[in-house]
Amino acid sequence: MSYLTVTAHYFDGEMNLRSCILDTGSLDERKTGDVLAKSVEDVVKEFGLDYRKVTIVTDNASNMISAFRDRCCRISCFAHCLNLVVQDMLKVDDADFQSMMSHCKILVRHFKHAGLQNQLDRTLKQECPTRWNATYIMMESILEQYDKVHDILSNFLESCAELN
């Protein structure tokens, strides 16, 4: 099941930025450009807005681009574009960097699955490729608690050695 949410962002009379959700609905059909365009147009009309005076912000997917071409003004989401740049940069051809990133993800996964998170002041955060700053947040969560993580793993290894 796919969902589509249409939000509005505008300035009120005092020039304060306001945001609201106009509609969230399920899409029973494939999310083609025509289906998306019709769904958004229905919401725009329901709120009495002029579709030609609306600016739509979307990701860069081809269905989103085709949905609003020649219908209204469509611009690419800056956060999405930034995420694509960051994800591309993180693919740097450096074995040491890639090894560090891989080991950070494994470390966080181990803490989550082994129930070791509850021994930390703050939980370790896992990287998520759809959020542009998630890699930074993951590495920051490890670095901020490096000594505590080290102590927990050392104690874990000692207890395993005692069992053998």
N, C-alpha and C. Protein backbone atom coordinates (compact mmCIF):
# COMPACT_ATOMS: atom_id res chain seq x y z
N MET A 1 0.86 -1.18 0.00
CA MET A 1 0.00 0.00 0.00
C MET A 1 0.90 1.23 0.00
N SER A 2 0.63 2.14 -0.88
CA SER A 2 1.37 3.40 -0.96
C SER A 2 0.51 4.52 -0.43
N TYR A 3 1.15 5.53 0.13
CA TYR A 3 0.44 6.70 0.64
C TYR A 3 1.02 7.97 0.03
N LEU A 4 0.20 8.98 -0.05
CA LEU A 4 0.62 10.28 -0.54
C LEU A 4 0.11 11.32 0.46
N THR A 5 1.01 12.17 0.91
CA THR A 5 0.64 13.27 1.80
C THR A 5 0.91 14.58 1.09
N VAL A 6 -0.07 15.45 1.14
CA VAL A 6 0.06 16.78 0.55
C VAL A 6 0.08 17.77 1.70
N THR A 7 1.15 18.57 1.76
CA THR A 7 1.27 19.57 2.82
C THR A 7 1.27 20.96 2.19
N ALA A 8 0.94 21.95 3.00
CA ALA A 8 0.99 23.35 2.56
C ALA A 8 1.93 24.10 3.48
N HIS A 9 2.76 24.94 2.90
CA HIS A 9 3.68 25.80 3.65
C HIS A 9 3.43 27.22 3.14
N TYR A 10 3.18 28.14 4.06
CA TYR A 10 2.80 29.49 3.65
C TYR A 10 3.16 30.48 4.76
N PHE A 11 3.10 31.74 4.44
CA PHE A 11 3.33 32.79 5.42
C PHE A 11 1.98 33.38 5.82
N ASP A 12 1.80 33.54 7.14
CA ASP A 12 0.56 34.16 7.61
C ASP A 12 0.68 35.68 7.52
N GLY A 13 -0.31 36.40 8.04
CA GLY A 13 -0.33 37.85 7.96
C GLY A 13 0.83 38.55 8.64
N GLU A 14 1.43 37.89 9.63
CA GLU A 14 2.59 38.45 10.34
C GLU A 14 3.91 37.92 9.78
N MET A 15 3.85 37.29 8.63
CA MET A 15 5.03 36.73 7.95
C MET A 15 5.69 35.60 8.74
N ASN A 16 4.90 34.85 9.51
CA ASN A 16 5.38 33.65 10.18
C ASN A 16 5.15 32.46 9.25
N LEU A 17 6.16 31.61 9.11
CA LEU A 17 6.02 30.44 8.27
C LEU A 17 5.11 29.43 8.96
N ARG A 18 4.12 28.99 8.25
CA ARG A 18 3.14 28.01 8.76
C ARG A 18 3.18 26.77 7.87
N SER A 19 2.86 25.64 8.46
CA SER A 19 2.79 24.38 7.72
C SER A 19 1.59 23.59 8.21
N CYS A 20 0.95 22.91 7.30
CA CYS A 20 -0.16 22.04 7.69
C CYS A 20 -0.28 20.89 6.68
N ILE A 21 -0.86 19.82 7.13
CA ILE A 21 -1.13 18.68 6.26
C ILE A 21 -2.52 18.88 5.68
N LEU A 22 -2.60 18.91 4.37
CA LEU A 22 -3.89 19.06 3.70
C LEU A 22 -4.59 17.72 3.54
N ASP A 23 -3.80 16.67 3.26
CA ASP A 23 -4.42 15.37 3.01
C ASP A 23 -3.36 14.27 3.07
N THR A 24 -3.74 13.14 3.60
CA THR A 24 -2.95 11.91 3.50
C THR A 24 -3.91 10.82 3.05
N GLY A 25 -3.55 10.18 1.97
CA GLY A 25 -4.43 9.14 1.46
C GLY A 25 -3.65 8.01 0.84
N SER A 26 -4.31 6.87 0.75
CA SER A 26 -3.66 5.71 0.14
C SER A 26 -3.86 5.76 -1.37
N LEU A 27 -2.90 5.17 -2.05
CA LEU A 27 -2.97 5.06 -3.50
C LEU A 27 -3.10 3.58 -3.84
N ASP A 28 -4.19 3.23 -4.49
CA ASP A 28 -4.41 1.84 -4.85
C ASP A 28 -3.72 1.48 -6.16
N GLU A 29 -3.36 2.49 -6.93
CA GLU A 29 -2.71 2.27 -8.22
C GLU A 29 -1.21 2.50 -8.09
N ARG A 30 -0.48 2.12 -9.14
CA ARG A 30 0.96 2.44 -9.20
C ARG A 30 1.13 3.94 -9.15
N LYS A 31 2.20 4.41 -8.55
CA LYS A 31 2.44 5.85 -8.41
C LYS A 31 3.05 6.42 -9.69
N THR A 32 2.27 6.39 -10.73
CA THR A 32 2.71 6.99 -12.00
C THR A 32 2.53 8.50 -11.91
N GLY A 33 3.14 9.20 -12.85
CA GLY A 33 3.00 10.65 -12.89
C GLY A 33 1.55 11.08 -12.97
N ASP A 34 0.75 10.41 -13.81
CA ASP A 34 -0.66 10.77 -13.97
C ASP A 34 -1.45 10.55 -12.69
N VAL A 35 -1.20 9.44 -12.01
CA VAL A 35 -1.91 9.14 -10.76
C VAL A 35 -1.56 10.18 -9.69
N LEU A 36 -0.28 10.50 -9.57
CA LEU A 36 0.15 11.50 -8.59
C LEU A 36 -0.44 12.87 -8.92
N ALA A 37 -0.38 13.25 -10.18
CA ALA A 37 -0.91 14.56 -10.59
C ALA A 37 -2.39 14.68 -10.26
N LYS A 38 -3.16 13.65 -10.57
CA LYS A 38 -4.61 13.67 -10.31
C LYS A 38 -4.89 13.74 -8.82
N SER A 39 -4.13 12.98 -8.03
CA SER A 39 -4.34 12.96 -6.57
C SER A 39 -4.07 14.33 -5.97
N VAL A 40 -2.97 14.94 -6.37
CA VAL A 40 -2.63 16.26 -5.83
C VAL A 40 -3.61 17.32 -6.35
N GLU A 41 -3.98 17.23 -7.62
CA GLU A 41 -4.93 18.18 -8.18
C GLU A 41 -6.26 18.14 -7.43
N ASP A 42 -6.71 16.95 -7.07
CA ASP A 42 -7.96 16.82 -6.30
C ASP A 42 -7.87 17.54 -4.96
N VAL A 43 -6.74 17.40 -4.29
CA VAL A 43 -6.54 18.06 -2.99
C VAL A 43 -6.49 19.57 -3.18
N VAL A 44 -5.75 20.02 -4.18
CA VAL A 44 -5.62 21.45 -4.45
C VAL A 44 -7.00 22.06 -4.72
N LYS A 45 -7.80 21.39 -5.54
CA LYS A 45 -9.15 21.89 -5.86
C LYS A 45 -10.04 21.88 -4.62
N GLU A 46 -9.92 20.83 -3.80
CA GLU A 46 -10.74 20.73 -2.59
C GLU A 46 -10.52 21.93 -1.67
N PHE A 47 -9.31 22.47 -1.65
CA PHE A 47 -9.00 23.61 -0.80
C PHE A 47 -9.17 24.95 -1.54
N GLY A 48 -9.70 24.89 -2.75
CA GLY A 48 -9.99 26.11 -3.49
C GLY A 48 -8.76 26.85 -3.97
N LEU A 49 -7.68 26.13 -4.19
CA LEU A 49 -6.45 26.76 -4.66
C LEU A 49 -6.35 26.65 -6.18
N ASP A 50 -5.63 27.58 -6.76
CA ASP A 50 -5.41 27.58 -8.21
C ASP A 50 -4.16 26.75 -8.48
N TYR A 51 -4.33 25.62 -9.15
CA TYR A 51 -3.23 24.68 -9.42
C TYR A 51 -2.06 25.36 -10.14
N ARG A 52 -2.37 26.34 -10.99
CA ARG A 52 -1.32 27.02 -11.74
C ARG A 52 -0.50 27.96 -10.86
N LYS A 53 -1.01 28.30 -9.68
CA LYS A 53 -0.31 29.22 -8.77
C LYS A 53 0.35 28.49 -7.60
N VAL A 54 0.31 27.17 -7.65
CA VAL A 54 0.89 26.34 -6.59
C VAL A 54 2.31 25.95 -6.99
N THR A 55 3.21 25.92 -6.02
CA THR A 55 4.55 25.39 -6.24
C THR A 55 4.65 24.07 -5.52
N ILE A 56 5.02 23.04 -6.24
CA ILE A 56 5.13 21.69 -5.69
C ILE A 56 6.62 21.40 -5.46
N VAL A 57 6.93 20.86 -4.29
CA VAL A 57 8.31 20.47 -3.97
C VAL A 57 8.33 18.95 -3.84
N THR A 58 9.19 18.30 -4.65
CA THR A 58 9.25 16.84 -4.64
C THR A 58 10.70 16.38 -4.71
N ASP A 59 10.87 15.09 -4.59
CA ASP A 59 12.19 14.52 -4.87
C ASP A 59 12.39 14.52 -6.39
N ASN A 60 13.48 13.93 -6.84
CA ASN A 60 13.80 13.97 -8.26
C ASN A 60 13.36 12.73 -9.04
N ALA A 61 12.47 11.95 -8.47
CA ALA A 61 12.00 10.75 -9.15
C ALA A 61 11.28 11.13 -10.44
N SER A 62 11.44 10.31 -11.46
CA SER A 62 10.86 10.62 -12.77
C SER A 62 9.34 10.74 -12.70
N ASN A 63 8.69 9.95 -11.85
CA ASN A 63 7.22 10.05 -11.75
C ASN A 63 6.80 11.39 -11.15
N MET A 64 7.60 11.91 -10.24
CA MET A 64 7.29 13.22 -9.65
C MET A 64 7.51 14.34 -10.66
N ILE A 65 8.58 14.23 -11.41
CA ILE A 65 8.86 15.26 -12.43
C ILE A 65 7.75 15.27 -13.48
N SER A 66 7.39 14.09 -13.96
CA SER A 66 6.35 14.03 -15.01
C SER A 66 4.97 14.41 -14.46
N ALA A 67 4.73 14.16 -13.19
CA ALA A 67 3.41 14.46 -12.61
C ALA A 67 3.07 15.94 -12.69
N PHE A 68 4.07 16.79 -12.55
CA PHE A 68 3.77 18.22 -12.45
C PHE A 68 4.29 19.05 -13.62
N ARG A 69 4.93 18.40 -14.57
CA ARG A 69 5.40 19.11 -15.77
C ARG A 69 4.20 19.70 -16.50
N ASP A 70 4.31 20.95 -16.83
CA ASP A 70 3.28 21.69 -17.57
C ASP A 70 1.97 21.84 -16.80
N ARG A 71 1.95 21.51 -15.52
CA ARG A 71 0.72 21.67 -14.75
C ARG A 71 0.84 22.80 -13.72
N CYS A 72 2.03 22.88 -13.13
CA CYS A 72 2.27 23.88 -12.10
C CYS A 72 3.78 24.03 -11.96
N CYS A 73 4.20 24.86 -11.03
CA CYS A 73 5.63 25.02 -10.79
C CYS A 73 6.10 23.89 -9.87
N ARG A 74 7.13 23.13 -10.30
CA ARG A 74 7.69 22.06 -9.47
C ARG A 74 9.17 22.36 -9.28
N ILE A 75 9.59 22.28 -8.01
CA ILE A 75 11.02 22.43 -7.73
C ILE A 75 11.50 21.21 -6.95
N SER A 76 12.79 20.96 -7.05
CA SER A 76 13.38 19.82 -6.34
C SER A 76 13.62 20.16 -4.88
N CYS A 77 13.35 19.21 -4.02
CA CYS A 77 13.55 19.38 -2.59
C CYS A 77 15.04 19.51 -2.29
N PHE A 78 15.42 20.60 -1.64
CA PHE A 78 16.83 20.84 -1.33
C PHE A 78 17.39 19.73 -0.44
N ALA A 79 16.63 19.32 0.58
CA ALA A 79 17.12 18.28 1.49
C ALA A 79 17.36 16.98 0.73
N HIS A 80 16.50 16.66 -0.22
CA HIS A 80 16.68 15.45 -1.02
C HIS A 80 17.93 15.56 -1.88
N CYS A 81 18.12 16.71 -2.51
CA CYS A 81 19.32 16.92 -3.33
C CYS A 81 20.58 16.84 -2.48
N LEU A 82 20.54 17.45 -1.30
CA LEU A 82 21.68 17.40 -0.39
C LEU A 82 21.98 15.96 0.02
N ASN A 83 20.93 15.19 0.29
CA ASN A 83 21.12 13.79 0.65
C ASN A 83 21.80 13.02 -0.47
N LEU A 84 21.41 13.27 -1.72
CA LEU A 84 22.04 12.59 -2.85
C LEU A 84 23.52 12.94 -2.94
N VAL A 85 23.86 14.19 -2.70
CA VAL A 85 25.26 14.61 -2.73
C VAL A 85 26.04 13.93 -1.60
N VAL A 86 25.49 13.94 -0.40
CA VAL A 86 26.17 13.33 0.74
C VAL A 86 26.35 11.83 0.51
N GLN A 87 25.31 11.15 0.04
CA GLN A 87 25.42 9.71 -0.21
C GLN A 87 26.49 9.42 -1.25
N ASP A 88 26.58 10.26 -2.27
CA ASP A 88 27.60 10.08 -3.29
C ASP A 88 29.00 10.30 -2.69
N MET A 89 29.14 11.30 -1.86
CA MET A 89 30.44 11.58 -1.23
C MET A 89 30.87 10.44 -0.31
N LEU A 90 29.90 9.81 0.36
CA LEU A 90 30.23 8.72 1.28
C LEU A 90 30.67 7.44 0.56
N LYS A 91 30.52 7.42 -0.74
CA LYS A 91 30.97 6.27 -1.53
C LYS A 91 32.43 6.43 -1.94
N VAL A 92 33.15 7.32 -1.27
CA VAL A 92 34.54 7.62 -1.60
C VAL A 92 35.35 6.32 -1.70
N ASP A 93 36.26 6.28 -2.64
CA ASP A 93 37.08 5.09 -2.88
C ASP A 93 38.26 5.08 -1.93
N ASP A 94 37.98 4.82 -0.67
CA ASP A 94 39.01 4.78 0.37
C ASP A 94 38.70 3.59 1.26
N ALA A 95 39.52 2.57 1.19
CA ALA A 95 39.26 1.32 1.91
C ALA A 95 39.17 1.53 3.41
N ASP A 96 40.04 2.39 3.96
CA ASP A 96 40.01 2.64 5.41
C ASP A 96 38.70 3.30 5.82
N PHE A 97 38.27 4.29 5.06
CA PHE A 97 37.02 4.97 5.38
C PHE A 97 35.84 4.00 5.28
N GLN A 98 35.78 3.22 4.20
CA GLN A 98 34.68 2.27 4.02
C GLN A 98 34.67 1.21 5.12
N SER A 99 35.86 0.78 5.53
CA SER A 99 35.96 -0.19 6.62
C SER A 99 35.44 0.41 7.93
N MET A 100 35.83 1.66 8.20
CA MET A 100 35.36 2.33 9.41
C MET A 100 33.84 2.44 9.41
N MET A 101 33.27 2.86 8.27
CA MET A 101 31.82 3.00 8.18
C MET A 101 31.12 1.66 8.39
N SER A 102 31.64 0.63 7.77
CA SER A 102 31.06 -0.70 7.90
C SER A 102 31.11 -1.18 9.35
N HIS A 103 32.24 -0.96 10.00
CA HIS A 103 32.39 -1.40 11.39
C HIS A 103 31.51 -0.58 12.34
N CYS A 104 31.30 0.70 12.05
CA CYS A 104 30.39 1.51 12.87
C CYS A 104 28.97 0.95 12.78
N LYS A 105 28.52 0.61 11.57
CA LYS A 105 27.18 0.05 11.39
C LYS A 105 27.04 -1.28 12.12
N ILE A 106 28.08 -2.11 12.04
CA ILE A 106 28.07 -3.42 12.72
C ILE A 106 28.03 -3.22 14.23
N LEU A 107 28.79 -2.25 14.72
CA LEU A 107 28.81 -1.97 16.15
C LEU A 107 27.43 -1.55 16.65
N VAL A 108 26.80 -0.63 15.95
CA VAL A 108 25.47 -0.17 16.36
C VAL A 108 24.47 -1.32 16.30
N ARG A 109 24.51 -2.10 15.23
CA ARG A 109 23.61 -3.26 15.09
C ARG A 109 23.82 -4.25 16.24
N HIS A 110 25.10 -4.50 16.61
CA HIS A 110 25.39 -5.41 17.71
C HIS A 110 24.80 -4.89 19.02
N PHE A 111 24.99 -3.61 19.31
CA PHE A 111 24.46 -3.04 20.54
C PHE A 111 22.94 -3.14 20.59
N LYS A 112 22.29 -2.94 19.45
CA LYS A 112 20.83 -3.03 19.41
C LYS A 112 20.35 -4.47 19.61
N HIS A 113 20.97 -5.42 18.90
CA HIS A 113 20.50 -6.81 18.94
C HIS A 113 20.92 -7.54 20.21
N ALA A 114 22.03 -7.15 20.81
CA ALA A 114 22.51 -7.82 22.02
C ALA A 114 21.94 -7.20 23.29
N GLY A 115 21.11 -6.18 23.15
CA GLY A 115 20.51 -5.54 24.32
C GLY A 115 21.49 -4.72 25.14
N LEU A 116 22.53 -4.25 24.52
CA LEU A 116 23.54 -3.48 25.24
C LEU A 116 23.22 -1.99 25.27
N GLN A 117 22.23 -1.55 24.51
CA GLN A 117 21.86 -0.13 24.46
C GLN A 117 21.49 0.41 25.83
N ASN A 118 20.83 -0.43 26.65
CA ASN A 118 20.35 0.05 27.95
C ASN A 118 21.48 0.35 28.93
N GLN A 119 22.69 -0.02 28.58
CA GLN A 119 23.84 0.28 29.44
C GLN A 119 24.47 1.64 29.09
N LEU A 120 23.96 2.27 28.06
CA LEU A 120 24.48 3.56 27.63
C LEU A 120 23.58 4.70 28.10
N ASP A 121 24.17 5.87 28.23
CA ASP A 121 23.38 7.05 28.59
C ASP A 121 22.44 7.45 27.46
N ARG A 122 22.93 7.32 26.23
CA ARG A 122 22.13 7.61 25.04
C ARG A 122 22.27 6.43 24.10
N THR A 123 21.23 6.16 23.33
CA THR A 123 21.32 5.03 22.40
C THR A 123 22.23 5.37 21.24
N LEU A 124 22.86 4.35 20.70
CA LEU A 124 23.63 4.52 19.47
C LEU A 124 22.64 4.61 18.32
N LYS A 125 22.91 5.47 17.38
CA LYS A 125 22.01 5.69 16.25
C LYS A 125 22.55 4.99 15.01
N GLN A 126 21.65 4.32 14.30
CA GLN A 126 22.04 3.61 13.09
C GLN A 126 21.95 4.55 11.89
N GLU A 127 22.86 4.38 10.97
CA GLU A 127 22.86 5.15 9.73
C GLU A 127 21.64 4.77 8.90
N CYS A 128 21.06 5.75 8.25
CA CYS A 128 19.90 5.52 7.40
C CYS A 128 20.13 6.30 6.11
N PRO A 129 20.27 5.62 4.98
CA PRO A 129 20.66 6.31 3.74
C PRO A 129 19.67 7.35 3.23
N THR A 130 18.44 7.34 3.71
CA THR A 130 17.48 8.32 3.21
C THR A 130 17.51 9.62 4.01
N ARG A 131 18.30 9.68 5.05
CA ARG A 131 18.42 10.91 5.84
C ARG A 131 19.84 11.43 5.72
N TRP A 132 20.00 12.60 5.17
CA TRP A 132 21.32 13.11 4.79
C TRP A 132 22.27 13.24 5.96
N ASN A 133 21.80 13.47 7.16
CA ASN A 133 22.71 13.64 8.29
C ASN A 133 22.80 12.41 9.18
N ALA A 134 22.20 11.30 8.79
CA ALA A 134 22.15 10.12 9.64
C ALA A 134 23.53 9.49 9.83
N THR A 135 24.39 9.56 8.83
CA THR A 135 25.74 9.00 8.97
C THR A 135 26.51 9.80 10.02
N TYR A 136 26.38 11.11 9.95
CA TYR A 136 27.02 11.98 10.94
C TYR A 136 26.48 11.68 12.33
N ILE A 137 25.17 11.55 12.47
CA ILE A 137 24.56 11.28 13.77
C ILE A 137 25.04 9.94 14.31
N MET A 138 25.14 8.93 13.44
CA MET A 138 25.64 7.62 13.88
C MET A 138 27.05 7.74 14.44
N MET A 139 27.92 8.38 13.67
CA MET A 139 29.31 8.48 14.09
C MET A 139 29.45 9.34 15.35
N GLU A 140 28.65 10.39 15.45
CA GLU A 140 28.67 11.25 16.63
C GLU A 140 28.21 10.47 17.87
N SER A 141 27.16 9.63 17.72
CA SER A 141 26.66 8.87 18.86
C SER A 141 27.70 7.88 19.37
N ILE A 142 28.50 7.34 18.47
CA ILE A 142 29.57 6.42 18.86
C ILE A 142 30.71 7.19 19.51
N LEU A 143 31.12 8.27 18.89
CA LEU A 143 32.25 9.06 19.38
C LEU A 143 31.96 9.65 20.76
N GLU A 144 30.77 10.18 20.97
CA GLU A 144 30.41 10.78 22.25
C GLU A 144 30.45 9.77 23.40
N GLN A 145 30.22 8.51 23.09
CA GLN A 145 30.17 7.49 24.13
C GLN A 145 31.26 6.44 23.94
N TYR A 146 32.32 6.83 23.27
CA TYR A 146 33.38 5.89 22.91
C TYR A 146 33.90 5.12 24.12
N ASP A 147 34.23 5.83 25.21
CA ASP A 147 34.78 5.16 26.39
C ASP A 147 33.78 4.16 26.99
N LYS A 148 32.53 4.55 27.07
CA LYS A 148 31.49 3.67 27.63
C LYS A 148 31.29 2.45 26.72
N VAL A 149 31.27 2.66 25.41
CA VAL A 149 31.13 1.56 24.45
C VAL A 149 32.30 0.60 24.60
N HIS A 150 33.50 1.17 24.70
CA HIS A 150 34.71 0.34 24.88
C HIS A 150 34.62 -0.49 26.15
N ASP A 151 34.20 0.13 27.26
CA ASP A 151 34.09 -0.59 28.53
C ASP A 151 33.05 -1.72 28.45
N ILE A 152 31.91 -1.44 27.84
CA ILE A 152 30.86 -2.46 27.71
C ILE A 152 31.35 -3.64 26.89
N LEU A 153 32.03 -3.36 25.78
CA LEU A 153 32.54 -4.45 24.94
C LEU A 153 33.66 -5.22 25.64
N SER A 154 34.51 -4.51 26.38
CA SER A 154 35.58 -5.19 27.13
C SER A 154 34.99 -6.12 28.17
N ASN A 155 34.00 -5.63 28.92
CA ASN A 155 33.34 -6.47 29.92
C ASN A 155 32.64 -7.66 29.27
N PHE A 156 32.03 -7.44 28.11
CA PHE A 156 31.36 -8.50 27.39
C PHE A 156 32.37 -9.58 26.98
N LEU A 157 33.51 -9.16 26.46
CA LEU A 157 34.56 -10.12 26.04
C LEU A 157 35.13 -10.86 27.24
N GLU A 158 35.30 -10.17 28.36
CA GLU A 158 35.81 -10.83 29.58
C GLU A 158 34.84 -11.89 30.06
N SER A 159 33.54 -11.57 30.05
CA SER A 159 32.55 -12.55 30.51
C SER A 159 32.49 -13.74 29.56
N CYS A 160 32.68 -13.51 28.26
CA CYS A 160 32.71 -14.62 27.31
C CYS A 160 33.94 -15.50 27.56
N ALA A 161 35.08 -14.89 27.86
CA ALA A 161 36.31 -15.65 28.12
C ALA A 161 36.16 -16.50 29.38
N GLU A 162 35.46 -15.96 30.38
CA GLU A 162 35.25 -16.71 31.62
C GLU A 162 34.38 -17.94 31.40
N LEU A 163 33.44 -17.84 30.46
CA LEU A 163 32.57 -18.96 30.16
C LEU A 163 33.31 -20.11 29.48
N ASN A 164 34.38 -19.75 28.77
CA ASN A 164 35.16 -20.78 28.06
C ASN A 164 36.14 -21.34 29.03
